[in-house]
Amino acid sequence: MLPKIKTILYATGLGAGAPYVFRYALSLAQKYDAKIRIVHGREPLSSSAQNMADLYMFKDTAEDLFEKASKEAEEKILENLETLCTKELSNDPQGRQRVENIVVAKLSAKQAILEEAEKYNADIIVMGSHRHSALADAMLGTTTMKVLHSSTIPVFVVRIPDGYHEETA
């Protein structure tokens, strides 16, 4: 029995390869008449950074400043994702209807991707990968590797060509 792909989770960090990877998610959505959900994970402020701010500012001032900056960052990310959708979906007759939801989660990228995939019962995760040094992969790992090893659903990894760069906005 062939798998039924109805919900595609497109995970992006909005890097230079985002449009390239999105085109693969869009191609799958067109082929299977599926919906795309977009997720972007955004790490919350680390406790050490928060403690440093608290040392040099009044706590209320620091909280207000970080809340304002966080809201502005989220709005900018959403704006960039909307621009990506508008640009890439302009030649698709169903266009923007294919993208069901855009989520900017205040979680690590891995956690955001896995939680959104489960929450929306995604059939497949589409995400990009680019070359890192072996040392960087061994020391830090990549979000793609972490998701591949933790996901319970298929992950479609799009290799971003070396040197590829295309603006998302």
C-alpha atoms as a PDB file:
ATOM      1  CA  MET A   1       0.000   0.000   0.000  1.00  0.00           C
ATOM      2  CA  LEU A   2       1.375   3.396  -0.981  1.00  0.00           C
ATOM      3  CA  PRO A   3       1.677   6.045   1.732  1.00  0.00           C
ATOM      4  CA  LYS A   4      -0.842   8.870   1.739  1.00  0.00           C
ATOM      5  CA  ILE A   5       0.800  12.249   2.063  1.00  0.00           C
ATOM      6  CA  LYS A   6      -1.754  14.853   3.114  1.00  0.00           C
ATOM      7  CA  THR A   7       0.219  17.008   5.538  1.00  0.00           C
ATOM      8  CA  ILE A   8       3.788  18.137   4.880  1.00  0.00           C
ATOM      9  CA  LEU A   9       5.795  19.849   7.597  1.00  0.00           C
ATOM     10  CA  TYR A  10       8.327  22.183   5.992  1.00  0.00           C
ATOM     11  CA  ALA A  11      10.993  23.069   8.559  1.00  0.00           C
ATOM     12  CA  THR A  12      13.156  26.095   7.886  1.00  0.00           C
ATOM     13  CA  GLY A  13      15.758  28.219   9.587  1.00  0.00           C
ATOM     14  CA  LEU A  14      15.346  30.778   6.771  1.00  0.00           C
ATOM     15  CA  GLY A  15      18.897  30.284   5.577  1.00  0.00           C
ATOM     16  CA  ALA A  16      20.146  30.910   2.046  1.00  0.00           C
ATOM     17  CA  GLY A  17      18.725  27.566   0.860  1.00  0.00           C
ATOM     18  CA  ALA A  18      15.176  28.086   2.181  1.00  0.00           C
ATOM     19  CA  PRO A  19      13.559  28.761  -1.229  1.00  0.00           C
ATOM     20  CA  TYR A  20      15.372  25.764  -2.740  1.00  0.00           C
ATOM     21  CA  VAL A  21      14.066  23.409  -0.042  1.00  0.00           C
ATOM     22  CA  PHE A  22      10.576  24.954  -0.068  1.00  0.00           C
ATOM     23  CA  ARG A  23      10.276  24.080  -3.768  1.00  0.00           C
ATOM     24  CA  TYR A  24      10.631  20.395  -2.859  1.00  0.00           C
ATOM     25  CA  ALA A  25       7.886  20.706  -0.237  1.00  0.00           C
ATOM     26  CA  LEU A  26       5.723  22.488  -2.791  1.00  0.00           C
ATOM     27  CA  SER A  27       6.401  19.818  -5.421  1.00  0.00           C
ATOM     28  CA  LEU A  28       5.281  17.104  -2.999  1.00  0.00           C
ATOM     29  CA  ALA A  29       2.199  19.136  -2.051  1.00  0.00           C
ATOM     30  CA  GLN A  30       1.238  19.524  -5.704  1.00  0.00           C
ATOM     31  CA  LYS A  31       1.831  15.850  -6.483  1.00  0.00           C
ATOM     32  CA  TYR A  32      -0.160  14.553  -3.517  1.00  0.00           C
ATOM     33  CA  ASP A  33      -2.659  17.433  -3.202  1.00  0.00           C
ATOM     34  CA  ALA A  34      -1.318  17.935   0.306  1.00  0.00           C
ATOM     35  CA  LYS A  35      -1.213  20.869   2.705  1.00  0.00           C
ATOM     36  CA  ILE A  36       2.035  22.412   3.902  1.00  0.00           C
ATOM     37  CA  ARG A  37       2.635  23.542   7.446  1.00  0.00           C
ATOM     38  CA  ILE A  38       5.728  25.686   7.948  1.00  0.00           C
ATOM     39  CA  VAL A  39       7.685  25.679  11.197  1.00  0.00           C
ATOM     40  CA  HIS A  40      10.606  27.811  12.321  1.00  0.00           C
ATOM     41  CA  GLY A  41      12.189  27.077  15.696  1.00  0.00           C
ATOM     42  CA  ARG A  42      13.603  30.036  17.583  1.00  0.00           C
ATOM     43  CA  GLU A  43      15.666  29.346  20.674  1.00  0.00           C
ATOM     44  CA  PRO A  44      14.495  31.212  23.768  1.00  0.00           C
ATOM     45  CA  LEU A  45      17.031  33.355  25.589  1.00  0.00           C
ATOM     46  CA  SER A  46      19.439  31.154  27.504  1.00  0.00           C
ATOM     47  CA  SER A  47      19.474  31.344  31.286  1.00  0.00           C
ATOM     48  CA  SER A  48      23.075  32.585  31.271  1.00  0.00           C
ATOM     49  CA  ALA A  49      22.180  35.446  28.914  1.00  0.00           C
ATOM     50  CA  GLN A  50      19.156  36.264  31.066  1.00  0.00           C
ATOM     51  CA  ASN A  51      21.330  36.291  34.199  1.00  0.00           C
ATOM     52  CA  MET A  52      23.859  38.569  32.501  1.00  0.00           C
ATOM     53  CA  ALA A  53      21.119  41.038  31.570  1.00  0.00           C
ATOM     54  CA  ASP A  54      19.761  40.942  35.101  1.00  0.00           C
ATOM     55  CA  LEU A  55      23.210  41.928  36.417  1.00  0.00           C
ATOM     56  CA  TYR A  56      23.343  45.089  34.319  1.00  0.00           C
ATOM     57  CA  MET A  57      19.669  46.125  34.180  1.00  0.00           C
ATOM     58  CA  PHE A  58      16.696  46.225  36.448  1.00  0.00           C
ATOM     59  CA  LYS A  59      14.786  42.974  36.103  1.00  0.00           C
ATOM     60  CA  ASP A  60      11.595  44.665  34.867  1.00  0.00           C
ATOM     61  CA  THR A  61      13.552  46.688  32.301  1.00  0.00           C
ATOM     62  CA  ALA A  62      15.332  43.590  31.018  1.00  0.00           C
ATOM     63  CA  GLU A  63      12.084  41.613  30.767  1.00  0.00           C
ATOM     64  CA  ASP A  64      10.353  44.435  28.873  1.00  0.00           C
ATOM     65  CA  LEU A  65      13.316  44.844  26.540  1.00  0.00           C
ATOM     66  CA  PHE A  66      13.555  41.121  25.793  1.00  0.00           C
ATOM     67  CA  GLU A  67       9.794  40.771  25.318  1.00  0.00           C
ATOM     68  CA  LYS A  68       9.765  43.650  22.830  1.00  0.00           C
ATOM     69  CA  ALA A  69      12.797  42.296  20.946  1.00  0.00           C
ATOM     70  CA  SER A  70      11.293  38.794  20.910  1.00  0.00           C
ATOM     71  CA  LYS A  71       8.001  40.052  19.474  1.00  0.00           C
ATOM     72  CA  GLU A  72       9.810  42.083  16.804  1.00  0.00           C
ATOM     73  CA  ALA A  73      11.961  39.085  15.853  1.00  0.00           C
ATOM     74  CA  GLU A  74       8.905  36.835  15.553  1.00  0.00           C
ATOM     75  CA  GLU A  75       7.094  39.403  13.397  1.00  0.00           C
ATOM     76  CA  LYS A  76      10.124  39.683  11.097  1.00  0.00           C
ATOM     77  CA  ILE A  77      10.393  35.892  10.768  1.00  0.00           C
ATOM     78  CA  LEU A  78       6.678  35.626   9.932  1.00  0.00           C
ATOM     79  CA  GLU A  79       7.055  38.439   7.401  1.00  0.00           C
ATOM     80  CA  ASN A  80       9.990  36.641   5.740  1.00  0.00           C
ATOM     81  CA  LEU A  81       8.048  33.370   5.618  1.00  0.00           C
ATOM     82  CA  GLU A  82       5.018  35.113   4.083  1.00  0.00           C
ATOM     83  CA  THR A  83       7.311  36.717   1.482  1.00  0.00           C
ATOM     84  CA  LEU A  84       8.805  33.300   0.684  1.00  0.00           C
ATOM     85  CA  CYS A  85       5.313  31.836   0.219  1.00  0.00           C
ATOM     86  CA  THR A  86       4.127  34.712  -1.958  1.00  0.00           C
ATOM     87  CA  LYS A  87       7.189  34.479  -4.193  1.00  0.00           C
ATOM     88  CA  GLU A  88       7.263  30.695  -4.527  1.00  0.00           C
ATOM     89  CA  LEU A  89       3.514  30.136  -4.852  1.00  0.00           C
ATOM     90  CA  SER A  90       2.862  32.803  -7.485  1.00  0.00           C
ATOM     91  CA  ASN A  91       2.809  30.233 -10.336  1.00  0.00           C
ATOM     92  CA  ASP A  92       0.678  27.675  -8.487  1.00  0.00           C
ATOM     93  CA  PRO A  93      -3.064  27.935  -9.253  1.00  0.00           C
ATOM     94  CA  GLN A  94      -3.899  26.898  -5.670  1.00  0.00           C
ATOM     95  CA  GLY A  95      -1.083  29.110  -4.422  1.00  0.00           C
ATOM     96  CA  ARG A  96      -1.362  30.234  -0.842  1.00  0.00           C
ATOM     97  CA  GLN A  97      -4.141  27.713  -0.123  1.00  0.00           C
ATOM     98  CA  ARG A  98      -1.509  25.000  -0.026  1.00  0.00           C
ATOM     99  CA  VAL A  99       0.145  26.572   3.023  1.00  0.00           C
ATOM    100  CA  GLU A 100      -2.174  25.826   5.895  1.00  0.00           C
ATOM    101  CA  ASN A 101      -0.202  27.325   8.754  1.00  0.00           C
ATOM    102  CA  ILE A 102       3.037  29.107   9.652  1.00  0.00           C
ATOM    103  CA  VAL A 103       4.412  28.619  13.150  1.00  0.00           C
ATOM    104  CA  VAL A 104       7.320  30.393  14.810  1.00  0.00           C
ATOM    105  CA  ALA A 105       7.963  28.377  17.953  1.00  0.00           C
ATOM    106  CA  LYS A 106      10.030  29.576  20.911  1.00  0.00           C
ATOM    107  CA  LEU A 107      11.780  26.220  21.071  1.00  0.00           C
ATOM    108  CA  SER A 108      14.958  24.695  19.759  1.00  0.00           C
ATOM    109  CA  ALA A 109      14.655  23.860  16.069  1.00  0.00           C
ATOM    110  CA  LYS A 110      14.618  20.113  16.759  1.00  0.00           C
ATOM    111  CA  GLN A 111      11.975  20.386  19.451  1.00  0.00           C
ATOM    112  CA  ALA A 112       9.809  22.725  17.352  1.00  0.00           C
ATOM    113  CA  ILE A 113       9.944  20.406  14.344  1.00  0.00           C
ATOM    114  CA  LEU A 114       9.154  17.237  16.283  1.00  0.00           C
ATOM    115  CA  GLU A 115       6.375  18.828  18.336  1.00  0.00           C
ATOM    116  CA  GLU A 116       4.701  20.411  15.292  1.00  0.00           C
ATOM    117  CA  ALA A 117       4.967  17.159  13.339  1.00  0.00           C
ATOM    118  CA  GLU A 118       3.199  15.331  16.151  1.00  0.00           C
ATOM    119  CA  LYS A 119       0.670  18.089  16.850  1.00  0.00           C
ATOM    120  CA  TYR A 120      -0.457  18.268  13.220  1.00  0.00           C
ATOM    121  CA  ASN A 121      -0.067  14.563  12.501  1.00  0.00           C
ATOM    122  CA  ALA A 122       2.329  15.310   9.639  1.00  0.00           C
ATOM    123  CA  ASP A 123       2.924  12.574   7.107  1.00  0.00           C
ATOM    124  CA  ILE A 124       6.420  13.776   6.182  1.00  0.00           C
ATOM    125  CA  ILE A 125       8.953  16.387   7.266  1.00  0.00           C
ATOM    126  CA  VAL A 126      10.821  18.291   4.554  1.00  0.00           C
ATOM    127  CA  MET A 127      13.992  20.065   5.609  1.00  0.00           C
ATOM    128  CA  GLY A 128      17.329  21.105   4.171  1.00  0.00           C
ATOM    129  CA  SER A 129      20.868  20.117   4.949  1.00  0.00           C
ATOM    130  CA  HIS A 130      24.176  21.621   3.990  1.00  0.00           C
ATOM    131  CA  ARG A 131      27.717  20.440   4.403  1.00  0.00           C
ATOM    132  CA  HIS A 132      29.455  20.945   7.725  1.00  0.00           C
ATOM    133  CA  SER A 133      32.910  19.855   8.718  1.00  0.00           C
ATOM    134  CA  ALA A 134      33.136  16.421  10.309  1.00  0.00           C
ATOM    135  CA  LEU A 135      34.348  18.056  13.512  1.00  0.00           C
ATOM    136  CA  ALA A 136      31.351  20.419  13.643  1.00  0.00           C
ATOM    137  CA  ASP A 137      28.957  17.510  13.116  1.00  0.00           C
ATOM    138  CA  ALA A 138      30.689  15.405  15.769  1.00  0.00           C
ATOM    139  CA  MET A 139      30.825  18.202  18.330  1.00  0.00           C
ATOM    140  CA  LEU A 140      27.471  19.882  17.831  1.00  0.00           C
ATOM    141  CA  GLY A 141      25.429  17.729  15.513  1.00  0.00           C
ATOM    142  CA  THR A 142      23.003  19.294  13.081  1.00  0.00           C
ATOM    143  CA  THR A 143      19.316  19.897  13.456  1.00  0.00           C
ATOM    144  CA  THR A 144      18.742  17.616  10.483  1.00  0.00           C
ATOM    145  CA  MET A 145      20.645  14.743  12.092  1.00  0.00           C
ATOM    146  CA  LYS A 146      18.838  15.255  15.397  1.00  0.00           C
ATOM    147  CA  VAL A 147      15.446  15.197  13.680  1.00  0.00           C
ATOM    148  CA  LEU A 148      16.385  12.165  11.550  1.00  0.00           C
ATOM    149  CA  HIS A 149      17.315  10.203  14.655  1.00  0.00           C
ATOM    150  CA  SER A 150      14.309  11.295  16.714  1.00  0.00           C
ATOM    151  CA  SER A 151      11.430  11.441  14.249  1.00  0.00           C
ATOM    152  CA  THR A 152       8.834   8.691  14.077  1.00  0.00           C
ATOM    153  CA  ILE A 153       7.734   9.797  10.578  1.00  0.00           C
ATOM    154  CA  PRO A 154       9.692   9.966   7.319  1.00  0.00           C
ATOM    155  CA  VAL A 155      12.076  12.894   6.865  1.00  0.00           C
ATOM    156  CA  PHE A 156      12.792  14.120   3.354  1.00  0.00           C
ATOM    157  CA  VAL A 157      16.215  15.795   3.472  1.00  0.00           C
ATOM    158  CA  VAL A 158      17.053  18.175   0.643  1.00  0.00           C
ATOM    159  CA  ARG A 159      20.781  18.620   0.145  1.00  0.00           C
ATOM    160  CA  ILE A 160      21.467  22.315  -0.455  1.00  0.00           C
ATOM    161  CA  PRO A 161      24.235  22.625  -3.072  1.00  0.00           C
ATOM    162  CA  ASP A 162      27.570  24.024  -1.893  1.00  0.00           C
ATOM    163  CA  GLY A 163      27.695  27.786  -2.334  1.00  0.00           C
ATOM    164  CA  TYR A 164      23.968  28.040  -3.060  1.00  0.00           C
ATOM    165  CA  HIS A 165      22.536  31.349  -1.954  1.00  0.00           C
ATOM    166  CA  GLU A 166      19.112  32.798  -2.646  1.00  0.00           C
ATOM    167  CA  GLU A 167      17.416  35.458  -0.584  1.00  0.00           C
ATOM    168  CA  THR A 168      14.134  34.499   1.056  1.00  0.00           C
ATOM    169  CA  ALA A 169      12.852  38.049   1.269  1.00  0.00           C
END
